[in-house]
Amino acid sequence: MKNVIKNSKVDIFDIMKMVSINPAKYVNIFEKKGSIAVNKDADLLVIDDVFNLIETIVRGSIY
C-alpha cells in the first residue's frame, strides 16, 4: 500500500479496495473477509497517518 501511494496518483480509497476487497473476492473469501460488516471476521490492520502498521486485529483479538 505504501509503495502504491508513493509511486502513483491512485486515490487512497481505490488503493484500500486493491488491498482488501479485491483480494478477498479473488480468493473467494469475501463473505468473511475484505470489509467491515456484521458476521465477518474482525481482521483489521491499524495504521498511522503515514501508513505504518500500529497493530493487527485478528478475529477481534489485538496482536
PDB file of N, CA and C in Angstrom:
ATOM      1  N   MET A   1       0.830  -1.186   0.000  1.00  0.00           N
ATOM      2  CA  MET A   1       0.000   0.000   0.000  1.00  0.00           C
ATOM      3  C   MET A   1       0.874   1.248   0.000  1.00  0.00           C
ATOM      4  N   LYS A   2       1.910   1.255   0.831  1.00  0.00           N
ATOM      5  CA  LYS A   2       2.780   2.429   0.885  1.00  0.00           C
ATOM      6  C   LYS A   2       3.452   2.682  -0.461  1.00  0.00           C
ATOM      7  N   ASN A   3       3.860   1.617  -1.146  1.00  0.00           N
ATOM      8  CA  ASN A   3       4.514   1.784  -2.446  1.00  0.00           C
ATOM      9  C   ASN A   3       3.564   2.348  -3.490  1.00  0.00           C
ATOM     10  N   VAL A   4       2.346   1.889  -3.497  1.00  0.00           N
ATOM     11  CA  VAL A   4       1.370   2.390  -4.466  1.00  0.00           C
ATOM     12  C   VAL A   4       1.083   3.859  -4.185  1.00  0.00           C
ATOM     13  N   ILE A   5       0.923   4.213  -2.922  1.00  0.00           N
ATOM     14  CA  ILE A   5       0.674   5.608  -2.554  1.00  0.00           C
ATOM     15  C   ILE A   5       1.844   6.483  -2.984  1.00  0.00           C
ATOM     16  N   LYS A   6       3.037   6.003  -2.719  1.00  0.00           N
ATOM     17  CA  LYS A   6       4.251   6.781  -3.014  1.00  0.00           C
ATOM     18  C   LYS A   6       4.489   6.924  -4.517  1.00  0.00           C
ATOM     19  N   ASN A   7       4.188   5.883  -5.275  1.00  0.00           N
ATOM     20  CA  ASN A   7       4.592   5.849  -6.678  1.00  0.00           C
ATOM     21  C   ASN A   7       3.460   6.026  -7.681  1.00  0.00           C
ATOM     22  N   SER A   8       2.287   6.400  -7.224  1.00  0.00           N
ATOM     23  CA  SER A   8       1.180   6.594  -8.163  1.00  0.00           C
ATOM     24  C   SER A   8       0.287   7.722  -7.683  1.00  0.00           C
ATOM     25  N   LYS A   9      -0.670   8.034  -8.500  1.00  0.00           N
ATOM     26  CA  LYS A   9      -1.646   9.067  -8.149  1.00  0.00           C
ATOM     27  C   LYS A   9      -3.023   8.450  -7.940  1.00  0.00           C
ATOM     28  N   VAL A  10      -3.047   7.177  -7.567  1.00  0.00           N
ATOM     29  CA  VAL A  10      -4.301   6.465  -7.339  1.00  0.00           C
ATOM     30  C   VAL A  10      -4.918   6.970  -6.036  1.00  0.00           C
ATOM     31  N   ASP A  11      -6.212   7.154  -6.047  1.00  0.00           N
ATOM     32  CA  ASP A  11      -6.958   7.616  -4.873  1.00  0.00           C
ATOM     33  C   ASP A  11      -6.821   6.617  -3.727  1.00  0.00           C
ATOM     34  N   ILE A  12      -6.676   7.106  -2.503  1.00  0.00           N
ATOM     35  CA  ILE A  12      -6.476   6.255  -1.322  1.00  0.00           C
ATOM     36  C   ILE A  12      -7.617   5.243  -1.157  1.00  0.00           C
ATOM     37  N   PHE A  13      -8.836   5.614  -1.474  1.00  0.00           N
ATOM     38  CA  PHE A  13      -9.959   4.682  -1.331  1.00  0.00           C
ATOM     39  C   PHE A  13      -9.889   3.563  -2.366  1.00  0.00           C
ATOM     40  N   ASP A  14      -9.401   3.867  -3.550  1.00  0.00           N
ATOM     41  CA  ASP A  14      -9.196   2.821  -4.552  1.00  0.00           C
ATOM     42  C   ASP A  14      -8.063   1.879  -4.132  1.00  0.00           C
ATOM     43  N   ILE A  15      -7.031   2.431  -3.535  1.00  0.00           N
ATOM     44  CA  ILE A  15      -5.920   1.605  -3.039  1.00  0.00           C
ATOM     45  C   ILE A  15      -6.416   0.675  -1.936  1.00  0.00           C
ATOM     46  N   MET A  16      -7.256   1.180  -1.052  1.00  0.00           N
ATOM     47  CA  MET A  16      -7.793   0.347   0.019  1.00  0.00           C
ATOM     48  C   MET A  16      -8.581  -0.830  -0.546  1.00  0.00           C
ATOM     49  N   LYS A  17      -9.344  -0.604  -1.605  1.00  0.00           N
ATOM     50  CA  LYS A  17     -10.057  -1.701  -2.271  1.00  0.00           C
ATOM     51  C   LYS A  17      -9.069  -2.704  -2.862  1.00  0.00           C
ATOM     52  N   MET A  18      -7.985  -2.173  -3.445  1.00  0.00           N
ATOM     53  CA  MET A  18      -6.982  -3.032  -4.079  1.00  0.00           C
ATOM     54  C   MET A  18      -6.320  -3.976  -3.073  1.00  0.00           C
ATOM     55  N   VAL A  19      -6.227  -3.563  -1.812  1.00  0.00           N
ATOM     56  CA  VAL A  19      -5.537  -4.388  -0.821  1.00  0.00           C
ATOM     57  C   VAL A  19      -6.484  -5.112   0.139  1.00  0.00           C
ATOM     58  N   SER A  20      -7.782  -4.946  -0.047  1.00  0.00           N
ATOM     59  CA  SER A  20      -8.719  -5.609   0.863  1.00  0.00           C
ATOM     60  C   SER A  20      -9.853  -6.322   0.115  1.00  0.00           C
ATOM     61  N   ILE A  21     -10.746  -5.573  -0.451  1.00  0.00           N
ATOM     62  CA  ILE A  21     -11.921  -6.154  -1.108  1.00  0.00           C
ATOM     63  C   ILE A  21     -11.538  -7.023  -2.301  1.00  0.00           C
ATOM     64  N   ASN A  22     -10.733  -6.481  -3.198  1.00  0.00           N
ATOM     65  CA  ASN A  22     -10.397  -7.219  -4.417  1.00  0.00           C
ATOM     66  C   ASN A  22      -9.690  -8.545  -4.142  1.00  0.00           C
ATOM     67  N   PRO A  23      -8.660  -8.598  -3.267  1.00  0.00           N
ATOM     68  CA  PRO A  23      -8.032  -9.899  -2.991  1.00  0.00           C
ATOM     69  C   PRO A  23      -8.998 -10.890  -2.342  1.00  0.00           C
ATOM     70  N   ALA A  24      -9.850 -10.409  -1.440  1.00  0.00           N
ATOM     71  CA  ALA A  24     -10.813 -11.308  -0.792  1.00  0.00           C
ATOM     72  C   ALA A  24     -11.784 -11.892  -1.809  1.00  0.00           C
ATOM     73  N   LYS A  25     -12.219 -11.082  -2.745  1.00  0.00           N
ATOM     74  CA  LYS A  25     -13.096 -11.586  -3.801  1.00  0.00           C
ATOM     75  C   LYS A  25     -12.358 -12.563  -4.705  1.00  0.00           C
ATOM     76  N   TYR A  26     -11.107 -12.269  -5.015  1.00  0.00           N
ATOM     77  CA  TYR A  26     -10.315 -13.116  -5.910  1.00  0.00           C
ATOM     78  C   TYR A  26     -10.138 -14.528  -5.361  1.00  0.00           C
ATOM     79  N   VAL A  27      -9.945 -14.642  -4.043  1.00  0.00           N
ATOM     80  CA  VAL A  27      -9.743 -15.966  -3.442  1.00  0.00           C
ATOM     81  C   VAL A  27     -11.032 -16.515  -2.809  1.00  0.00           C
ATOM     82  N   ASN A  28     -12.152 -15.910  -3.156  1.00  0.00           N
ATOM     83  CA  ASN A  28     -13.482 -16.386  -2.747  1.00  0.00           C
ATOM     84  C   ASN A  28     -13.696 -16.460  -1.233  1.00  0.00           C
ATOM     85  N   ILE A  29     -13.208 -15.433  -0.516  1.00  0.00           N
ATOM     86  CA  ILE A  29     -13.455 -15.376   0.930  1.00  0.00           C
ATOM     87  C   ILE A  29     -14.123 -14.058   1.337  1.00  0.00           C
ATOM     88  N   PHE A  30     -14.678 -13.357   0.364  1.00  0.00           N
ATOM     89  CA  PHE A  30     -15.265 -12.050   0.649  1.00  0.00           C
ATOM     90  C   PHE A  30     -16.444 -12.127   1.619  1.00  0.00           C
ATOM     91  N   GLU A  31     -17.095 -13.272   1.718  1.00  0.00           N
ATOM     92  CA  GLU A  31     -18.211 -13.388   2.659  1.00  0.00           C
ATOM     93  C   GLU A  31     -17.740 -13.302   4.113  1.00  0.00           C
ATOM     94  N   LYS A  32     -16.435 -13.507   4.370  1.00  0.00           N
ATOM     95  CA  LYS A  32     -15.899 -13.442   5.737  1.00  0.00           C
ATOM     96  C   LYS A  32     -14.798 -12.397   5.916  1.00  0.00           C
ATOM     97  N   LYS A  33     -14.161 -11.963   4.825  1.00  0.00           N
ATOM     98  CA  LYS A  33     -13.002 -11.060   4.914  1.00  0.00           C
ATOM     99  C   LYS A  33     -13.100  -9.968   3.860  1.00  0.00           C
ATOM    100  N   GLY A  34     -12.259  -8.953   3.977  1.00  0.00           N
ATOM    101  CA  GLY A  34     -12.142  -7.944   2.931  1.00  0.00           C
ATOM    102  C   GLY A  34     -12.899  -6.656   3.181  1.00  0.00           C
ATOM    103  N   SER A  35     -13.790  -6.654   4.156  1.00  0.00           N
ATOM    104  CA  SER A  35     -14.516  -5.435   4.511  1.00  0.00           C
ATOM    105  C   SER A  35     -15.031  -5.584   5.944  1.00  0.00           C
ATOM    106  N   ILE A  36     -15.509  -4.482   6.478  1.00  0.00           N
ATOM    107  CA  ILE A  36     -16.052  -4.484   7.835  1.00  0.00           C
ATOM    108  C   ILE A  36     -17.569  -4.557   7.736  1.00  0.00           C
ATOM    109  N   ALA A  37     -18.134  -5.642   8.253  1.00  0.00           N
ATOM    110  CA  ALA A  37     -19.581  -5.823   8.210  1.00  0.00           C
ATOM    111  C   ALA A  37     -20.000  -6.859   9.240  1.00  0.00           C
ATOM    112  N   VAL A  38     -21.270  -6.854   9.581  1.00  0.00           N
ATOM    113  CA  VAL A  38     -21.833  -7.828  10.511  1.00  0.00           C
ATOM    114  C   VAL A  38     -21.570  -9.235   9.976  1.00  0.00           C
ATOM    115  N   ASN A  39     -21.183 -10.146  10.868  1.00  0.00           N
ATOM    116  CA  ASN A  39     -20.914 -11.564  10.582  1.00  0.00           C
ATOM    117  C   ASN A  39     -19.626 -11.811   9.810  1.00  0.00           C
ATOM    118  N   LYS A  40     -18.789 -10.796   9.624  1.00  0.00           N
ATOM    119  CA  LYS A  40     -17.477 -11.005   9.011  1.00  0.00           C
ATOM    120  C   LYS A  40     -16.442 -11.079  10.123  1.00  0.00           C
ATOM    121  N   ASP A  41     -15.310 -11.766   9.825  1.00  0.00           N
ATOM    122  CA  ASP A  41     -14.214 -11.831  10.799  1.00  0.00           C
ATOM    123  C   ASP A  41     -13.713 -10.419  11.072  1.00  0.00           C
ATOM    124  N   ALA A  42     -13.378 -10.145  12.307  1.00  0.00           N
ATOM    125  CA  ALA A  42     -12.870  -8.821  12.667  1.00  0.00           C
ATOM    126  C   ALA A  42     -11.353  -8.798  12.471  1.00  0.00           C
ATOM    127  N   ASP A  43     -10.908  -8.879  11.224  1.00  0.00           N
ATOM    128  CA  ASP A  43      -9.488  -8.825  10.881  1.00  0.00           C
ATOM    129  C   ASP A  43      -9.178  -7.435  10.356  1.00  0.00           C
ATOM    130  N   LEU A  44      -8.345  -6.703  11.084  1.00  0.00           N
ATOM    131  CA  LEU A  44      -8.041  -5.316  10.734  1.00  0.00           C
ATOM    132  C   LEU A  44      -6.571  -5.013  10.942  1.00  0.00           C
ATOM    133  N   LEU A  45      -6.062  -4.080  10.171  1.00  0.00           N
ATOM    134  CA  LEU A  45      -4.742  -3.511  10.411  1.00  0.00           C
ATOM    135  C   LEU A  45      -4.957  -2.068  10.824  1.00  0.00           C
ATOM    136  N   VAL A  46      -4.322  -1.667  11.922  1.00  0.00           N
ATOM    137  CA  VAL A  46      -4.407  -0.285  12.376  1.00  0.00           C
ATOM    138  C   VAL A  46      -3.119   0.392  11.924  1.00  0.00           C
ATOM    139  N   ILE A  47      -3.261   1.493  11.174  1.00  0.00           N
ATOM    140  CA  ILE A  47      -2.104   2.202  10.641  1.00  0.00           C
ATOM    141  C   ILE A  47      -2.121   3.656  11.092  1.00  0.00           C
ATOM    142  N   ASP A  48      -0.948   4.279  11.047  1.00  0.00           N
ATOM    143  CA  ASP A  48      -0.870   5.694  11.411  1.00  0.00           C
ATOM    144  C   ASP A  48      -1.061   6.563  10.164  1.00  0.00           C
ATOM    145  N   ASP A  49      -0.851   7.866  10.320  1.00  0.00           N
ATOM    146  CA  ASP A  49      -1.127   8.787   9.212  1.00  0.00           C
ATOM    147  C   ASP A  49      -0.152   8.695   8.048  1.00  0.00           C
ATOM    148  N   VAL A  50       0.964   7.966   8.232  1.00  0.00           N
ATOM    149  CA  VAL A  50       1.900   7.737   7.120  1.00  0.00           C
ATOM    150  C   VAL A  50       1.934   6.258   6.745  1.00  0.00           C
ATOM    151  N   PHE A  51       0.887   5.525   7.145  1.00  0.00           N
ATOM    152  CA  PHE A  51       0.650   4.139   6.753  1.00  0.00           C
ATOM    153  C   PHE A  51       1.635   3.131   7.344  1.00  0.00           C
ATOM    154  N   ASN A  52       2.178   3.447   8.517  1.00  0.00           N
ATOM    155  CA  ASN A  52       2.969   2.465   9.265  1.00  0.00           C
ATOM    156  C   ASN A  52       2.020   1.614  10.098  1.00  0.00           C
ATOM    157  N   LEU A  53       2.321   0.331  10.188  1.00  0.00           N
ATOM    158  CA  LEU A  53       1.482  -0.588  10.956  1.00  0.00           C
ATOM    159  C   LEU A  53       1.625  -0.318  12.447  1.00  0.00           C
ATOM    160  N   ILE A  54       0.502  -0.134  13.125  1.00  0.00           N
ATOM    161  CA  ILE A  54       0.478   0.101  14.568  1.00  0.00           C
ATOM    162  C   ILE A  54       0.132  -1.192  15.302  1.00  0.00           C
ATOM    163  N   GLU A  55      -0.929  -1.862  14.868  1.00  0.00           N
ATOM    164  CA  GLU A  55      -1.307  -3.138  15.473  1.00  0.00           C
ATOM    165  C   GLU A  55      -2.165  -3.948  14.500  1.00  0.00           C
ATOM    166  N   THR A  56      -2.282  -5.212  14.808  1.00  0.00           N
ATOM    167  CA  THR A  56      -3.057  -6.141  13.992  1.00  0.00           C
ATOM    168  C   THR A  56      -4.180  -6.706  14.846  1.00  0.00           C
ATOM    169  N   ILE A  57      -5.368  -6.773  14.296  1.00  0.00           N
ATOM    170  CA  ILE A  57      -6.514  -7.363  14.988  1.00  0.00           C
ATOM    171  C   ILE A  57      -6.983  -8.550  14.151  1.00  0.00           C
ATOM    172  N   VAL A  58      -6.987  -9.724  14.768  1.00  0.00           N
ATOM    173  CA  VAL A  58      -7.388 -10.956  14.080  1.00  0.00           C
ATOM    174  C   VAL A  58      -8.562 -11.561  14.832  1.00  0.00           C
ATOM    175  N   ARG A  59      -9.696 -11.671  14.126  1.00  0.00           N
ATOM    176  CA  ARG A  59     -10.941 -12.166  14.710  1.00  0.00           C
ATOM    177  C   ARG A  59     -11.265 -11.488  16.031  1.00  0.00           C
ATOM    178  N   GLY A  60     -10.982 -10.193  16.091  1.00  0.00           N
ATOM    179  CA  GLY A  60     -11.313  -9.390  17.254  1.00  0.00           C
ATOM    180  C   GLY A  60     -10.259  -9.341  18.344  1.00  0.00           C
ATOM    181  N   SER A  61      -9.175 -10.133  18.232  1.00  0.00           N
ATOM    182  CA  SER A  61      -8.101 -10.122  19.223  1.00  0.00           C
ATOM    183  C   SER A  61      -6.942  -9.253  18.731  1.00  0.00           C
ATOM    184  N   ILE A  62      -6.450  -8.395  19.611  1.00  0.00           N
ATOM    185  CA  ILE A  62      -5.371  -7.477  19.269  1.00  0.00           C
ATOM    186  C   ILE A  62      -4.018  -8.142  19.448  1.00  0.00           C
ATOM    187  N   TYR A  63      -3.158  -7.998  18.441  1.00  0.00           N
ATOM    188  CA  TYR A  63      -1.794  -8.561  18.495  1.00  0.00           C
ATOM    189  C   TYR A  63      -0.777  -7.466  18.292  1.00  0.00           C
TER     190      TYR A  63
END
